[in-house]
Protein backbone atom coordinates (compact mmCIF):
# COMPACT_ATOMS: atom_id res chain seq x y z
CA MET A 1 121.54 -60.38 158.69
CA GLU A 2 118.78 -57.97 157.61
CA SER A 3 116.43 -59.30 160.31
CA ARG A 4 119.03 -58.67 163.00
CA LEU A 5 119.40 -55.09 161.78
CA ALA A 6 115.62 -54.75 161.87
CA GLU A 7 115.54 -55.99 165.45
CA LYS A 8 118.13 -53.40 166.46
CA ALA A 9 116.32 -50.61 164.61
CA LEU A 10 113.03 -51.49 166.32
CA GLU A 11 114.59 -50.73 169.71
CA HIS A 12 114.81 -47.04 168.77
CA PHE A 13 111.05 -46.48 168.37
CA VAL A 14 108.56 -45.51 171.06
CA ILE A 15 106.62 -48.74 171.42
CA GLU A 16 106.03 -51.15 174.27
CA ARG A 17 109.19 -53.02 175.17
CA LYS A 18 108.69 -56.73 174.59
CA ARG A 19 109.83 -59.58 172.40
CA TYR A 20 108.25 -59.13 168.96
CA GLU A 21 108.15 -61.55 166.05
CA ILE A 22 109.90 -60.03 163.04
CA THR A 23 109.03 -61.45 159.61
CA PRO A 24 110.58 -60.18 156.36
CA LEU A 25 108.09 -59.34 153.60
CA ILE A 26 109.25 -59.88 150.02
CA GLN A 27 106.31 -58.24 148.23
CA GLY A 28 107.88 -54.82 147.68
CA TYR A 29 110.41 -54.13 144.93
CA ILE A 30 112.18 -51.16 146.54
CA ASN A 31 112.23 -51.00 150.34
CA HIS A 32 112.89 -53.92 152.69
CA SER A 33 109.83 -54.38 154.89
CA PHE A 34 109.19 -56.40 158.04
CA LYS A 35 105.96 -57.40 159.75
CA ILE A 36 106.22 -56.83 163.50
CA ALA A 37 103.86 -59.11 165.43
CA ASP A 38 102.98 -59.55 169.12
CA ALA A 39 101.85 -63.07 170.03
CA GLY A 40 101.00 -63.73 166.40
CA GLN A 41 99.05 -60.49 165.92
CA PRO A 42 100.61 -58.01 163.45
CA LYS A 43 101.15 -54.63 165.13
CA TYR A 44 103.59 -52.63 163.01
CA LEU A 45 105.31 -52.42 159.66
CA LEU A 46 109.04 -51.66 159.87
CA GLN A 47 110.75 -50.49 156.70
CA HIS A 48 114.38 -50.10 155.73
CA LEU A 49 114.17 -47.32 153.14
CA ASN A 50 116.13 -47.64 149.92
CA LYS A 51 118.23 -44.47 149.82
CA ASN A 52 119.64 -45.41 146.40
CA VAL A 53 116.16 -45.11 144.91
CA PHE A 54 114.87 -42.37 147.20
CA GLN A 55 117.82 -40.01 147.26
CA ASP A 56 116.04 -37.36 149.34
CA ILE A 57 114.58 -39.26 152.27
CA GLU A 58 113.78 -36.05 154.14
CA THR A 59 111.54 -34.86 151.31
CA LEU A 60 109.84 -38.25 151.17
CA MET A 61 109.03 -38.09 154.89
CA HIS A 62 107.91 -34.45 154.62
CA ASN A 63 105.40 -35.48 151.95
CA LEU A 64 104.19 -38.39 154.04
CA GLN A 65 103.69 -36.27 157.15
CA ALA A 66 101.87 -33.65 155.07
CA ILE A 67 99.27 -36.05 153.67
CA LEU A 68 98.55 -38.42 156.55
CA PRO A 69 96.33 -35.96 158.49
CA TYR A 70 94.07 -35.64 155.41
CA LEU A 71 93.55 -39.41 155.29
CA TYR A 72 91.70 -39.59 158.63
CA HIS A 73 88.11 -40.20 157.53
CA LYS A 74 85.22 -42.54 158.30
CA ASP A 75 85.42 -43.99 154.79
CA TYR A 76 89.18 -44.56 154.88
CA THR A 77 91.43 -46.54 157.25
CA SER A 78 94.35 -44.41 158.40
CA VAL A 79 97.88 -45.45 159.35
CA ASP A 80 100.19 -43.70 161.80
CA LEU A 81 103.90 -43.06 161.89
CA MET A 82 105.49 -44.19 165.16
CA PRO A 83 108.09 -41.73 166.50
CA THR A 84 111.62 -42.63 167.50
CA LYS A 85 112.91 -42.07 171.02
CA ALA A 86 114.44 -38.87 169.64
CA ARG A 87 110.89 -37.85 168.60
CA THR A 88 111.71 -37.98 164.91
CA PRO A 89 109.78 -39.92 162.21
CA LEU A 90 112.93 -41.77 161.10
CA TYR A 91 115.72 -43.69 162.76
CA ARG A 92 119.12 -43.47 161.13
CA ASP A 93 121.49 -46.26 162.13
CA SER A 94 125.28 -46.21 162.48
CA GLU A 95 125.66 -47.11 158.78
CA GLY A 96 123.55 -44.13 157.72
CA GLU A 97 120.58 -46.32 156.77
CA TYR A 98 117.02 -45.06 157.34
CA TRP A 99 114.27 -46.96 159.16
CA ARG A 100 110.58 -46.13 159.58
CA LEU A 101 107.84 -47.71 161.71
CA MET A 102 104.14 -47.50 160.89
CA THR A 103 101.01 -49.04 162.35
CA TYR A 104 99.76 -52.24 160.72
CA VAL A 105 96.20 -52.35 159.42
CA PRO A 106 94.58 -55.29 161.29
CA GLU A 107 92.53 -58.00 159.60
CA SER A 108 93.53 -56.73 156.18
CA ILE A 109 94.58 -58.50 153.01
CA SER A 110 96.11 -57.51 149.69
CA TYR A 111 96.14 -59.25 146.30
CA ASN A 112 98.73 -59.36 143.56
CA THR A 113 96.11 -60.29 140.95
CA THR A 114 92.41 -61.07 140.87
CA ASN A 115 89.52 -62.15 138.67
CA ASN A 116 86.98 -60.84 141.17
CA ARG A 117 84.93 -57.91 139.86
CA ALA A 118 83.90 -56.94 143.42
CA ILE A 119 87.58 -56.41 144.27
CA ALA A 120 88.04 -54.34 141.11
CA LYS A 121 85.04 -52.18 142.02
CA GLU A 122 86.28 -51.68 145.58
CA ALA A 123 89.75 -50.73 144.28
CA GLY A 124 88.16 -48.03 142.11
CA ARG A 125 86.06 -46.78 145.02
CA ILE A 126 88.96 -46.46 147.48
CA LEU A 127 91.24 -44.86 144.86
CA GLY A 128 88.55 -42.24 144.25
CA ILE A 129 88.18 -41.62 148.00
CA PHE A 130 91.98 -41.31 148.34
CA HIS A 131 92.03 -38.61 145.66
CA ARG A 132 88.95 -36.92 147.08
CA LEU A 133 90.54 -36.66 150.54
CA LEU A 134 93.81 -35.26 149.18
CA LYS A 135 92.30 -32.68 146.83
CA ASP A 136 92.83 -29.87 149.36
CA VAL A 137 96.45 -30.69 150.21
CA PRO A 138 98.56 -27.67 149.16
CA LYS A 139 100.45 -28.94 146.11
CA ALA A 140 103.19 -26.36 146.58
CA GLY A 141 104.01 -28.00 149.91
CA LEU A 142 104.88 -31.36 148.33
CA SER A 143 107.93 -32.14 146.22
CA GLU A 144 108.83 -34.92 143.79
CA THR A 145 110.38 -37.83 145.67
CA ILE A 146 111.59 -39.26 142.34
CA PRO A 147 111.82 -36.50 139.70
CA GLY A 148 110.20 -37.39 136.39
CA PHE A 149 108.83 -40.64 137.82
CA HIS A 150 106.17 -41.06 135.10
CA SER A 151 107.89 -39.13 132.34
CA LEU A 152 107.90 -41.21 129.16
CA GLU A 153 110.67 -39.03 127.70
CA LYS A 154 112.88 -39.58 130.75
CA ARG A 155 112.33 -43.34 130.77
CA LEU A 156 113.14 -43.63 127.06
CA THR A 157 116.36 -41.64 127.57
CA GLU A 158 117.36 -43.97 130.43
CA PHE A 159 116.56 -46.96 128.23
CA SER A 160 118.73 -45.58 125.43
CA ASP A 161 121.64 -45.00 127.82
CA ALA A 162 121.28 -48.52 129.25
CA ARG A 163 121.44 -50.03 125.77
CA LYS A 164 124.72 -48.23 125.09
CA ASN A 165 126.33 -49.51 128.28
CA ALA A 166 124.81 -52.99 128.61
CA SER A 167 126.87 -56.15 128.33
CA PRO A 168 126.73 -57.98 124.97
CA THR A 169 125.23 -61.01 126.76
CA ARG A 170 122.28 -59.05 128.13
CA ILE A 171 121.76 -57.18 124.86
CA LYS A 172 121.57 -60.50 122.99
CA LYS A 173 119.09 -61.98 125.49
CA ALA A 174 116.91 -58.87 125.36
CA GLU A 175 117.22 -58.15 121.62
CA LYS A 176 113.70 -59.30 120.69
CA TRP A 177 112.13 -57.29 123.51
CA ILE A 178 114.15 -54.18 122.73
CA LEU A 179 112.66 -54.27 119.24
CA LEU A 180 109.18 -54.81 120.72
CA ALA A 181 109.59 -51.79 123.00
CA GLU A 182 110.52 -49.64 120.02
CA ALA A 183 107.47 -50.88 118.11
CA ILE A 184 105.05 -50.22 120.98
CA VAL A 185 106.30 -46.72 121.70
CA LYS A 186 105.47 -45.70 118.14
CA ASN A 187 101.83 -46.53 118.89
CA ILE A 188 101.64 -44.69 122.19
CA HIS A 189 100.19 -41.37 121.17
CA SER A 190 100.67 -38.54 123.61
CA ASP A 191 97.76 -36.62 122.11
CA ILE A 192 96.19 -36.11 125.52
CA PRO A 193 94.57 -32.85 126.63
CA SER A 194 96.99 -30.14 127.68
CA ASP A 195 94.70 -28.76 130.38
CA LEU A 196 94.94 -31.67 132.83
CA PRO A 197 94.76 -30.54 136.46
CA LEU A 198 97.68 -31.35 138.73
CA ARG A 199 96.64 -33.54 141.66
CA ILE A 200 98.28 -35.18 144.64
CA CYS A 201 98.69 -38.73 143.32
CA HIS A 202 99.78 -42.03 144.83
CA ASN A 203 101.89 -42.85 141.74
CA ASP A 204 102.25 -46.58 142.53
CA THR A 205 98.71 -47.94 142.47
CA LYS A 206 99.33 -51.57 141.53
CA LEU A 207 96.71 -53.81 143.14
CA ASN A 208 98.91 -55.09 145.98
CA ASN A 209 99.14 -51.54 147.32
CA PHE A 210 95.40 -51.67 148.13
CA LEU A 211 94.29 -53.17 151.44
CA PHE A 212 90.94 -54.93 151.80
CA SER A 213 89.01 -56.13 154.85
CA LYS A 214 89.29 -59.89 155.36
CA GLU A 215 85.81 -59.87 156.90
CA THR A 216 83.78 -57.69 154.53
CA GLY A 217 85.87 -57.53 151.37
CA LYS A 218 85.62 -53.73 151.43
CA ALA A 219 88.67 -51.73 150.36
CA LEU A 220 90.26 -50.01 153.36
CA CYS A 221 93.13 -47.82 152.13
CA LEU A 222 96.22 -47.56 149.96
CA ILE A 223 99.68 -48.32 151.33
CA ASP A 224 103.27 -47.73 150.18
CA LEU A 225 102.96 -43.94 150.13
CA ASP A 226 106.58 -43.08 149.33
CA THR A 227 105.74 -41.86 145.83
CA VAL A 228 102.81 -39.64 146.86
CA MET A 229 103.53 -36.32 145.14
CA PRO A 230 102.02 -34.03 142.51
CA GLY A 231 100.97 -35.87 139.36
CA TYR A 232 98.12 -36.69 136.98
CA PHE A 233 95.14 -38.90 137.66
CA HIS A 234 95.42 -40.93 134.44
CA CYS A 235 98.70 -42.38 135.77
CA ASP A 236 97.09 -43.62 139.00
CA PHE A 237 94.18 -44.95 136.95
CA GLY A 238 96.38 -46.75 134.43
CA ASP A 239 98.70 -48.21 137.03
CA ALA A 240 95.80 -49.76 138.95
CA LEU A 241 94.00 -50.92 135.83
CA ARG A 242 96.99 -52.84 134.46
CA THR A 243 96.88 -55.16 137.49
CA LEU A 244 93.11 -55.59 137.34
CA VAL A 245 92.40 -56.33 133.67
CA ASN A 246 95.19 -58.93 133.55
CA PRO A 247 95.00 -61.85 136.03
CA SER A 248 98.64 -62.89 135.56
CA GLU A 249 101.61 -62.01 137.74
CA GLU A 250 103.81 -59.12 136.65
CA ASP A 251 106.65 -61.49 135.72
CA GLU A 252 104.44 -64.10 134.01
CA LYS A 253 106.61 -66.09 131.58
CA ASP A 254 103.75 -67.54 129.51
CA VAL A 255 102.41 -64.52 127.64
CA THR A 256 99.43 -66.55 126.37
CA LYS A 257 98.00 -66.23 129.89
CA ILE A 258 98.01 -62.43 129.68
CA SER A 259 94.70 -60.82 128.76
CA PHE A 260 92.64 -57.62 128.89
CA ASN A 261 89.35 -58.19 130.73
CA LEU A 262 87.03 -55.29 129.89
CA SER A 263 84.46 -56.34 132.52
CA MET A 264 87.12 -55.82 135.22
CA ALA A 265 87.79 -52.36 133.80
CA ASP A 266 84.06 -51.62 133.90
CA SER A 267 83.88 -52.70 137.56
CA PHE A 268 86.85 -50.51 138.43
CA LEU A 269 85.19 -47.55 136.70
CA LYS A 270 81.92 -48.19 138.55
CA GLY A 271 83.78 -48.10 141.87
CA LEU A 272 85.44 -44.86 140.84
CA LYS A 273 82.01 -43.42 140.02
CA GLU A 274 80.67 -44.55 143.43
CA SER A 275 83.52 -42.77 145.25
CA GLY A 276 82.15 -39.35 144.35
CA LEU A 277 85.45 -38.17 142.89
CA GLU A 278 84.89 -35.45 140.32
CA LEU A 279 87.06 -35.66 137.22
CA THR A 280 87.29 -33.03 134.50
CA SER A 281 86.37 -33.85 130.92
CA ALA A 282 90.06 -33.66 130.02
CA GLU A 283 90.95 -36.19 132.73
CA LYS A 284 88.31 -38.61 131.47
CA LEU A 285 89.66 -38.33 127.93
CA ALA A 286 93.16 -39.15 129.21
CA LEU A 287 92.19 -42.37 131.02
CA SER A 288 92.58 -44.69 128.03
CA TYR A 289 95.99 -43.20 127.30
CA GLY A 290 97.02 -43.75 130.93
CA ALA A 291 95.91 -47.38 130.71
CA ILE A 292 98.37 -47.97 127.84
CA LEU A 293 101.13 -45.72 129.13
CA MET A 294 101.53 -47.26 132.57
CA PRO A 295 102.21 -50.91 131.69
CA PHE A 296 104.58 -49.71 128.98
CA LEU A 297 106.40 -47.39 131.41
CA HIS A 298 106.83 -50.19 133.93
CA GLY A 299 107.98 -52.50 131.17
CA ILE A 300 110.60 -50.08 129.87
CA ARG A 301 111.83 -49.46 133.41
CA ALA A 302 112.17 -53.22 134.03
CA LEU A 303 114.00 -53.72 130.72
CA THR A 304 116.27 -50.77 131.48
CA ASP A 305 117.07 -52.25 134.89
CA TYR A 306 117.83 -55.61 133.31
CA LEU A 307 120.28 -53.95 130.91
CA ASN A 308 121.81 -52.10 133.89
CA ASN A 309 122.44 -55.40 135.72
CA ASP A 310 119.42 -55.14 138.06
CA LEU A 311 120.36 -52.09 140.11
CA TYR A 312 116.86 -50.80 140.90
CA TYR A 313 114.32 -53.58 141.49
CA GLN A 314 114.77 -56.46 143.90
CA ILE A 315 114.92 -59.72 141.95
CA GLN A 316 114.37 -63.33 143.02
CA TYR A 317 116.11 -64.93 140.01
CA PRO A 318 118.56 -63.69 137.30
CA ASP A 319 116.18 -62.87 134.42
CA GLN A 320 113.21 -61.65 136.46
CA ASN A 321 113.45 -58.06 135.18
CA LEU A 322 113.48 -59.33 131.59
CA ASP A 323 110.40 -61.45 132.31
CA ARG A 324 108.71 -58.41 133.91
CA SER A 325 109.34 -56.32 130.82
CA ILE A 326 107.99 -58.98 128.44
CA SER A 327 104.83 -59.41 130.52
CA LEU A 328 104.25 -55.67 130.89
CA PHE A 329 104.80 -54.97 127.19
CA THR A 330 102.21 -57.65 126.44
CA VAL A 331 99.72 -55.96 128.78
CA ALA A 332 100.38 -52.66 126.98
CA GLN A 333 99.74 -54.34 123.61
CA LYS A 334 96.49 -55.92 124.83
CA THR A 335 95.32 -52.59 126.25
CA LEU A 336 96.19 -50.78 123.04
CA ALA A 337 94.02 -53.28 121.14
CA ASN A 338 91.11 -52.49 123.50
CA LYS A 339 91.62 -48.71 123.61
CA GLU A 340 88.33 -47.81 121.89
CA GLU A 341 86.28 -50.22 124.02
CA LEU A 342 87.84 -48.80 127.18
CA ALA A 343 87.15 -45.22 126.06
CA ASN A 344 83.52 -46.19 125.45
CA SER A 345 83.28 -47.63 128.95
CA VAL A 346 84.71 -44.45 130.44
CA GLY A 347 82.11 -42.35 128.63
CA ARG A 348 79.23 -44.68 129.50
CA ILE A 349 80.11 -45.03 133.21
CA LEU A 350 81.76 -41.71 134.11
CA GLY A 351 80.16 -39.49 131.48
CA LYS A 352 81.89 -37.09 129.14
């Protein structure tokens, strides 16, 4: 059904008229995405935007159009929005659903997890370049696509509300992990510097949102730009790091497989250093905090969604959100145990 809707939506964009191969992609948690290929060669990425998550689609697209011109650079692979026949960046179908078409980055690959330090270094390098290119974007011109997206206070309030309204069955299943969340949050100290500069951030820098060249292994760009908005660098840093130091999938059921690999963190930091991005002393001090905060935030969001009967994230099986939360809380615990070592690496590689 969804593929037929995608085929109809594709007809409304200004592209060559021909029979394309439309393949659903299941990697994303929020939007429904489709690879559009011509004779086996990927040409476009078609997305059905989730208006329940992104409740102001116009703002989202305004942000995207504002940043894309800044991402044209010899060191960064750009993507383009394809216009509709009405010369708009979005197509809205008869059901009020929003569709967007973007160019596909050829000969590229992404990874959910990795043990490869070269990939970690390249991820750090391209993240630094991304931030370097966007440093001159007027922050006043961009708005929050999801207000309070990385606010710990907001996520804990949502978690508390979900607990009050959850079914007894789900509360019982999640009881152990609810207690774990409460224990971890007591150890997350928000004693970070108050003078952190506001930047234009990606805000969803898990590893599979980085594209790499199949031929050279070099990082090309970041994708999934719907959460690009003002934010703080330690969140982008921590979100990427959580998927690099731990080689397990985000919903790994065997927590004994979850680890914190400091050498991967060092490689990521070396790539960041190579990018030429300049961070303030306050930002460097906040990096270890961000590395703990981000897996915990994702874990509490997944647990909240589980208690809310899986309204936010796409799931492939009934308890997937619970498994996500358990795995992510474990990553947060492992990172917390390595906080001092990570802080030492930051100082040694990036300086004070």
